[in-house]
Amino acid sequence: MIFGLDIGGANTKMASSDGNFTTSAYLPLWKGCDIEGTLNAFKTGSVDKLGVTITGELADCFATKKEGIAQISRAVKRVYPAARFYGSDGKFYSDTGNYRLFSAANWSASARFIGISHKNILFIDIGSTTTDIIPIVDGVPAAGTTDFKRLSAGELIYAGALRTNVAALLHTVALRGNAVRTSSELFAITGDVNLLLDHITGEDYTCDAPDNANKDKAGAALRLARVVCSDMDEMAMDDSLEIARQAYRKQLDDLKEGIVEVAVRNGLKSAIVCGMGDFLAREALEELGMPYTMLDSEYGKNVSKVFPAFAVARLLSMER
């Protein structure tokens, strides 16, 4: 069996090349989590080949990306000695000495696999933390090769469906007839927004809540109330819902702006979407009137949520 592994700063995901096995674990590397223990827990049956993408090197437990790539890849090798690492050049390597090739390469694996069947299309992957907007031109990913370059080009938006600080989206909220400034504390995240708006369930809220309290609507409403330095004695559920609606609207508008920027620059007219936050992309594309395909309709929801892991497994299966 051939498997793919995607090790991010907050989540680690694994998938088989046939899509029949998928799994994901919340693994915040900055907390010193046990990578090897998680990988051992992922083990299922016989792993004949393993392809790996890494995006967790940016976690601030590492002094540099070079250090992050080295430590993560060593942990992988201790569990899977024959693991092959995917580079942003589209090739697999047995070691990660040239660390720049492997830094934040998961989007490249996804887009390169999509490019086999979709030659000119915008690939959008919205996860818990970030949004990738990748132009695929003539079957090849045409995005910047580093996160810095992609941020500069609008191909990376550092906002996702769960972990984004609401205060990073909203500096003011229109509430009770006033423009209310928000507090810049980590009181609420987009997981609270999407839970309150019924875009996700409590089971989808896989990261830590900012207050480590309940991941239900009451908990989400309280956390959103704190964004305007309040609580549920001062505010009603409708107030928290209004904050959620405005935060969601701002993220949606930012996403639309990024989609238009990248699509126009590359002459792309349609999109293909995956990720646990695919509902955001679907709504943005519908508002823009851009044709799109949802990857979950082709591969299923489970694969869509862990698509980079699935893509790197498929690419490894095609390696000659």
Protein backbone atom coordinates (compact mmCIF):
# COMPACT_ATOMS: atom_id res chain seq x y z
CA MET A 1 0.00 0.00 0.00
CA ILE A 2 1.13 3.55 -0.79
CA PHE A 3 0.38 6.33 1.67
CA GLY A 4 0.82 10.08 1.86
CA LEU A 5 1.59 12.12 4.94
CA ASP A 6 1.06 15.87 5.35
CA ILE A 7 2.67 17.31 8.47
CA GLY A 8 1.44 20.83 9.23
CA GLY A 9 2.06 23.10 12.16
CA ALA A 10 -1.34 22.36 13.67
CA ASN A 11 -2.63 19.23 11.91
CA THR A 12 -1.04 16.06 10.60
CA LYS A 13 -2.92 14.05 7.97
CA MET A 14 -2.50 10.69 6.28
CA ALA A 15 -4.21 9.04 3.30
CA SER A 16 -3.80 5.98 1.13
CA SER A 17 -3.38 6.38 -2.60
CA ASP A 18 -6.72 4.65 -3.21
CA GLY A 19 -8.51 7.04 -0.83
CA ASN A 20 -9.94 4.22 1.27
CA PHE A 21 -7.93 5.26 4.32
CA THR A 22 -7.81 8.83 5.64
CA THR A 23 -7.05 10.18 9.08
CA SER A 24 -6.13 13.47 10.70
CA ALA A 25 -4.88 14.53 14.12
CA TYR A 26 -4.63 17.93 15.78
CA LEU A 27 -0.90 18.16 16.48
CA PRO A 28 0.18 21.69 17.46
CA LEU A 29 3.94 21.46 17.00
CA TRP A 30 4.61 24.68 18.95
CA LYS A 31 3.43 22.85 22.08
CA GLY A 32 6.15 20.23 21.69
CA CYS A 33 3.76 17.49 20.58
CA ASP A 34 4.91 13.94 20.00
CA ILE A 35 5.23 13.60 16.22
CA GLU A 36 6.54 10.05 16.40
CA GLY A 37 3.73 8.95 18.71
CA THR A 38 1.13 10.34 16.32
CA LEU A 39 2.75 8.67 13.31
CA ASN A 40 2.89 5.35 15.14
CA ALA A 41 -0.81 5.74 15.99
CA PHE A 42 -1.49 6.36 12.28
CA LYS A 43 0.14 3.08 11.23
CA THR A 44 -2.31 0.82 9.47
CA GLY A 45 -1.44 -2.48 7.85
CA SER A 46 1.53 -2.62 5.52
CA VAL A 47 3.03 0.65 4.33
CA ASP A 48 4.99 -0.22 1.19
CA LYS A 49 5.76 3.38 0.24
CA LEU A 50 5.23 6.70 2.02
CA GLY A 51 5.34 10.15 0.46
CA VAL A 52 5.64 13.13 2.81
CA THR A 53 4.90 16.84 2.57
CA ILE A 54 5.87 19.25 5.34
CA THR A 55 4.38 22.63 6.26
CA GLY A 56 5.06 22.65 10.01
CA GLU A 57 8.55 24.12 9.71
CA LEU A 58 7.15 27.61 10.33
CA ALA A 59 5.98 26.70 13.85
CA ASP A 60 7.70 29.03 16.30
CA CYS A 61 9.16 26.17 18.31
CA PHE A 62 11.81 26.09 15.56
CA ALA A 63 14.39 28.87 15.28
CA THR A 64 14.47 28.57 11.48
CA LYS A 65 12.67 26.73 8.71
CA LYS A 66 15.85 24.73 8.15
CA GLU A 67 15.71 23.49 11.74
CA GLY A 68 12.02 22.70 11.43
CA ILE A 69 12.43 20.65 8.26
CA ALA A 70 15.36 18.75 9.79
CA GLN A 71 13.58 17.91 13.05
CA ILE A 72 10.30 16.90 11.41
CA SER A 73 11.95 14.77 8.74
CA ARG A 74 14.10 13.00 11.36
CA ALA A 75 10.97 12.15 13.34
CA VAL A 76 9.34 10.76 10.19
CA LYS A 77 12.41 8.67 9.35
CA ARG A 78 12.47 7.12 12.81
CA VAL A 79 8.96 5.76 12.24
CA TYR A 80 9.13 5.22 8.46
CA PRO A 81 12.80 4.74 7.47
CA ALA A 82 11.97 4.45 3.76
CA ALA A 83 9.87 7.63 3.62
CA ARG A 84 10.29 9.85 0.55
CA PHE A 85 9.92 13.62 0.84
CA TYR A 86 8.10 15.65 -1.80
CA GLY A 87 9.84 18.80 -3.02
CA SER A 88 8.21 21.81 -4.60
CA ASP A 89 10.02 20.89 -7.82
CA GLY A 90 7.68 17.90 -8.12
CA LYS A 91 10.30 15.27 -7.24
CA PHE A 92 10.72 12.89 -4.31
CA TYR A 93 13.86 12.71 -2.18
CA SER A 94 15.16 10.38 0.50
CA ASP A 95 16.57 13.25 2.58
CA THR A 96 15.74 16.91 3.18
CA GLY A 97 19.18 18.48 3.09
CA ASN A 98 18.06 21.15 0.62
CA TYR A 99 15.40 22.34 3.07
CA ARG A 100 13.99 25.10 0.83
CA LEU A 101 12.60 22.46 -1.54
CA PHE A 102 10.48 20.96 1.23
CA SER A 103 9.24 24.03 3.10
CA ALA A 104 5.45 24.41 2.75
CA ALA A 105 5.32 22.11 -0.27
CA ASN A 106 1.92 20.51 0.33
CA TRP A 107 0.05 22.93 -1.95
CA SER A 108 2.47 22.02 -4.75
CA ALA A 109 1.69 18.31 -4.40
CA SER A 110 -2.05 18.99 -4.50
CA ALA A 111 -1.86 21.34 -7.47
CA ARG A 112 0.54 19.11 -9.41
CA PHE A 113 -1.81 16.14 -9.02
CA ILE A 114 -4.84 18.24 -10.02
CA GLY A 115 -2.88 19.50 -13.03
CA ILE A 116 -2.80 15.99 -14.48
CA SER A 117 -6.54 16.14 -15.19
CA HIS A 118 -7.24 19.91 -15.13
CA LYS A 119 -4.77 21.81 -17.28
CA ASN A 120 -5.88 25.39 -16.63
CA ILE A 121 -7.76 25.97 -13.42
CA LEU A 122 -7.64 27.75 -10.07
CA PHE A 123 -7.05 25.30 -7.22
CA ILE A 124 -8.45 26.46 -3.85
CA ASP A 125 -7.78 24.60 -0.61
CA ILE A 126 -9.19 26.06 2.61
CA GLY A 127 -8.00 24.31 5.75
CA SER A 128 -8.21 25.09 9.43
CA THR A 129 -5.50 27.75 9.27
CA THR A 130 -4.80 28.96 5.74
CA THR A 131 -6.24 29.32 2.24
CA ASP A 132 -4.26 28.35 -0.85
CA ILE A 133 -5.27 29.94 -4.16
CA ILE A 134 -3.05 28.20 -6.69
CA PRO A 135 -3.05 28.91 -10.42
CA ILE A 136 -2.53 25.78 -12.53
CA VAL A 137 -1.40 26.73 -16.04
CA ASP A 138 -0.84 24.12 -18.73
CA GLY A 139 -1.06 21.44 -16.04
CA VAL A 140 1.70 22.92 -13.86
CA PRO A 141 1.39 24.90 -10.58
CA ALA A 142 2.28 28.51 -11.37
CA ALA A 143 2.40 29.91 -7.81
CA GLY A 144 5.32 31.37 -5.89
CA THR A 145 7.68 28.77 -4.46
CA THR A 146 7.70 30.13 -0.88
CA ASP A 147 4.96 31.25 1.48
CA PHE A 148 6.43 34.76 1.42
CA LYS A 149 6.15 34.90 -2.37
CA ARG A 150 2.63 33.46 -2.31
CA LEU A 151 1.52 35.98 0.33
CA SER A 152 2.96 38.72 -1.88
CA ALA A 153 1.04 37.43 -4.91
CA GLY A 154 -2.31 36.81 -3.17
CA GLU A 155 -1.88 33.04 -3.61
CA LEU A 156 -1.85 32.46 0.14
CA ILE A 157 -4.33 34.00 2.55
CA TYR A 158 -3.42 33.30 6.14
CA ALA A 159 -6.96 32.67 7.29
CA GLY A 160 -8.82 29.38 7.59
CA ALA A 161 -12.05 27.83 8.79
CA LEU A 162 -11.03 27.13 12.40
CA ARG A 163 -7.91 28.72 13.88
CA THR A 164 -7.98 32.34 12.66
CA ASN A 165 -8.28 34.99 15.37
CA VAL A 166 -11.55 36.90 14.87
CA ALA A 167 -9.75 40.11 15.88
CA ALA A 168 -7.42 39.62 12.90
CA LEU A 169 -10.47 39.77 10.61
CA LEU A 170 -12.47 42.50 12.32
CA HIS A 171 -11.08 45.72 13.79
CA THR A 172 -14.59 47.07 14.38
CA VAL A 173 -18.05 45.52 14.57
CA ALA A 174 -21.35 47.24 13.78
CA LEU A 175 -23.36 46.37 16.88
CA ARG A 176 -26.47 47.96 18.42
CA GLY A 177 -26.12 50.98 16.17
CA ASN A 178 -22.46 51.61 17.03
CA ALA A 179 -19.11 50.88 15.43
CA VAL A 180 -17.46 48.93 18.25
CA ARG A 181 -13.71 48.39 18.27
CA THR A 182 -12.59 44.81 18.86
CA SER A 183 -10.04 43.64 21.40
CA SER A 184 -6.80 42.27 19.98
CA GLU A 185 -6.76 39.33 22.39
CA LEU A 186 -7.18 35.73 21.24
CA PHE A 187 -10.74 35.49 22.56
CA ALA A 188 -12.50 33.85 19.60
CA ILE A 189 -11.56 32.10 16.38
CA THR A 190 -13.22 31.28 13.08
CA GLY A 191 -14.17 27.89 14.50
CA ASP A 192 -16.54 29.80 16.81
CA VAL A 193 -17.86 31.81 13.87
CA ASN A 194 -18.54 28.75 11.73
CA LEU A 195 -19.96 26.70 14.60
CA LEU A 196 -22.41 29.45 15.49
CA LEU A 197 -23.42 29.87 11.83
CA ASP A 198 -23.92 26.09 11.37
CA HIS A 199 -21.13 25.76 8.82
CA ILE A 200 -19.37 23.16 10.99
CA THR A 201 -20.32 20.84 13.84
CA GLY A 202 -18.70 20.47 17.23
CA GLU A 203 -16.88 17.40 15.88
CA ASP A 204 -15.34 19.53 13.12
CA TYR A 205 -13.96 21.95 15.74
CA THR A 206 -10.79 19.92 16.13
CA CYS A 207 -8.41 22.60 17.42
CA ASP A 208 -8.27 24.05 20.93
CA ALA A 209 -10.89 26.64 21.84
CA PRO A 210 -9.20 29.88 22.97
CA ASP A 211 -10.56 29.46 26.51
CA ASN A 212 -10.25 25.64 26.47
CA ALA A 213 -13.97 25.51 27.25
CA ASN A 214 -16.93 23.89 25.52
CA LYS A 215 -17.00 23.59 21.74
CA ASP A 216 -20.73 24.18 21.48
CA LYS A 217 -22.87 27.15 20.49
CA ALA A 218 -23.04 28.54 24.02
CA GLY A 219 -19.26 28.39 24.31
CA ALA A 220 -18.80 29.96 20.88
CA ALA A 221 -21.26 32.77 21.68
CA LEU A 222 -19.40 33.62 24.89
CA ARG A 223 -16.03 33.66 23.14
CA LEU A 224 -17.40 35.98 20.44
CA ALA A 225 -18.87 38.27 23.10
CA ARG A 226 -15.41 38.62 24.62
CA VAL A 227 -14.15 40.01 21.30
CA VAL A 228 -16.00 43.22 22.24
CA CYS A 229 -14.99 42.88 25.90
CA SER A 230 -18.36 41.57 26.96
CA ASP A 231 -20.02 38.37 28.18
CA MET A 232 -23.42 36.73 28.02
CA ASP A 233 -24.73 38.74 30.97
CA GLU A 234 -24.30 41.88 28.86
CA MET A 235 -25.01 40.43 25.42
CA ALA A 236 -27.64 38.25 23.80
CA MET A 237 -27.13 35.33 21.44
CA ASP A 238 -28.26 37.60 18.58
CA ASP A 239 -25.32 39.92 19.31
CA SER A 240 -22.83 37.06 19.10
CA LEU A 241 -24.49 35.89 15.90
CA GLU A 242 -24.09 39.37 14.44
CA ILE A 243 -20.37 39.36 15.26
CA ALA A 244 -20.10 35.93 13.63
CA ARG A 245 -21.92 37.08 10.50
CA GLN A 246 -19.64 40.11 10.10
CA ALA A 247 -16.47 38.08 10.65
CA TYR A 248 -17.60 35.53 8.10
CA ARG A 249 -18.49 38.27 5.62
CA LYS A 250 -15.04 39.85 5.99
CA GLN A 251 -13.29 36.53 5.41
CA LEU A 252 -15.51 35.89 2.40
CA ASP A 253 -14.73 39.30 0.89
CA ASP A 254 -10.99 38.81 1.44
CA LEU A 255 -11.24 35.43 -0.27
CA LYS A 256 -13.14 36.87 -3.25
CA GLU A 257 -10.49 39.55 -3.64
CA GLY A 258 -7.74 36.92 -3.68
CA ILE A 259 -9.59 34.70 -6.17
CA VAL A 260 -10.12 37.59 -8.59
CA GLU A 261 -6.49 38.77 -8.28
CA VAL A 262 -4.99 35.36 -9.03
CA ALA A 263 -7.55 34.32 -11.65
CA VAL A 264 -7.24 37.54 -13.67
CA ARG A 265 -3.43 37.54 -13.54
CA ASN A 266 -3.32 33.98 -14.89
CA GLY A 267 -6.30 34.13 -17.25
CA LEU A 268 -8.20 31.39 -15.43
CA LYS A 269 -11.98 31.09 -15.69
CA SER A 270 -12.90 28.21 -13.37
CA ALA A 271 -11.89 26.70 -10.02
CA ILE A 272 -11.63 23.41 -8.19
CA VAL A 273 -12.10 23.37 -4.41
CA CYS A 274 -11.17 21.19 -1.45
CA GLY A 275 -10.48 21.39 2.28
CA MET A 276 -12.52 21.39 5.46
CA GLY A 277 -13.44 25.02 4.73
CA ASP A 278 -14.62 24.36 1.19
CA PHE A 279 -17.99 25.95 2.03
CA LEU A 280 -16.26 29.35 2.10
CA ALA A 281 -14.85 28.90 -1.38
CA ARG A 282 -18.15 27.63 -2.73
CA GLU A 283 -19.99 30.73 -1.51
CA ALA A 284 -17.26 33.09 -2.76
CA LEU A 285 -17.23 31.51 -6.22
CA GLU A 286 -21.01 31.58 -6.48
CA GLU A 287 -21.04 35.28 -5.61
CA LEU A 288 -18.35 35.86 -8.26
CA GLY A 289 -20.22 33.78 -10.82
CA MET A 290 -17.15 31.61 -11.47
CA PRO A 291 -17.76 27.96 -12.45
CA TYR A 292 -16.29 25.50 -9.96
CA THR A 293 -15.95 21.83 -9.08
CA MET A 294 -16.03 20.50 -5.54
CA LEU A 295 -13.40 17.81 -5.05
CA ASP A 296 -15.57 16.01 -2.52
CA SER A 297 -17.96 15.17 -5.36
CA GLU A 298 -15.12 13.35 -7.11
CA TYR A 299 -13.16 11.84 -4.22
CA GLY A 300 -15.48 12.13 -1.20
CA LYS A 301 -15.49 14.46 1.78
CA ASN A 302 -12.88 12.52 3.75
CA VAL A 303 -10.31 12.77 0.97
CA SER A 304 -11.14 16.44 0.35
CA LYS A 305 -10.29 17.26 3.97
CA VAL A 306 -6.83 15.66 3.72
CA PHE A 307 -6.19 16.29 0.03
CA PRO A 308 -2.44 17.09 0.17
CA ALA A 309 -1.80 13.73 1.86
CA PHE A 310 -3.88 11.95 -0.77
CA ALA A 311 -2.23 13.88 -3.62
CA VAL A 312 1.32 13.09 -2.49
CA ALA A 313 0.38 9.41 -2.19
CA ARG A 314 -1.00 9.43 -5.74
CA LEU A 315 2.08 11.23 -7.08
CA LEU A 316 4.37 8.71 -5.39
CA SER A 317 2.35 5.86 -6.93
CA MET A 318 3.10 7.36 -10.37
CA GLU A 319 6.82 7.78 -9.77
CA ARG A 320 9.03 5.89 -12.22
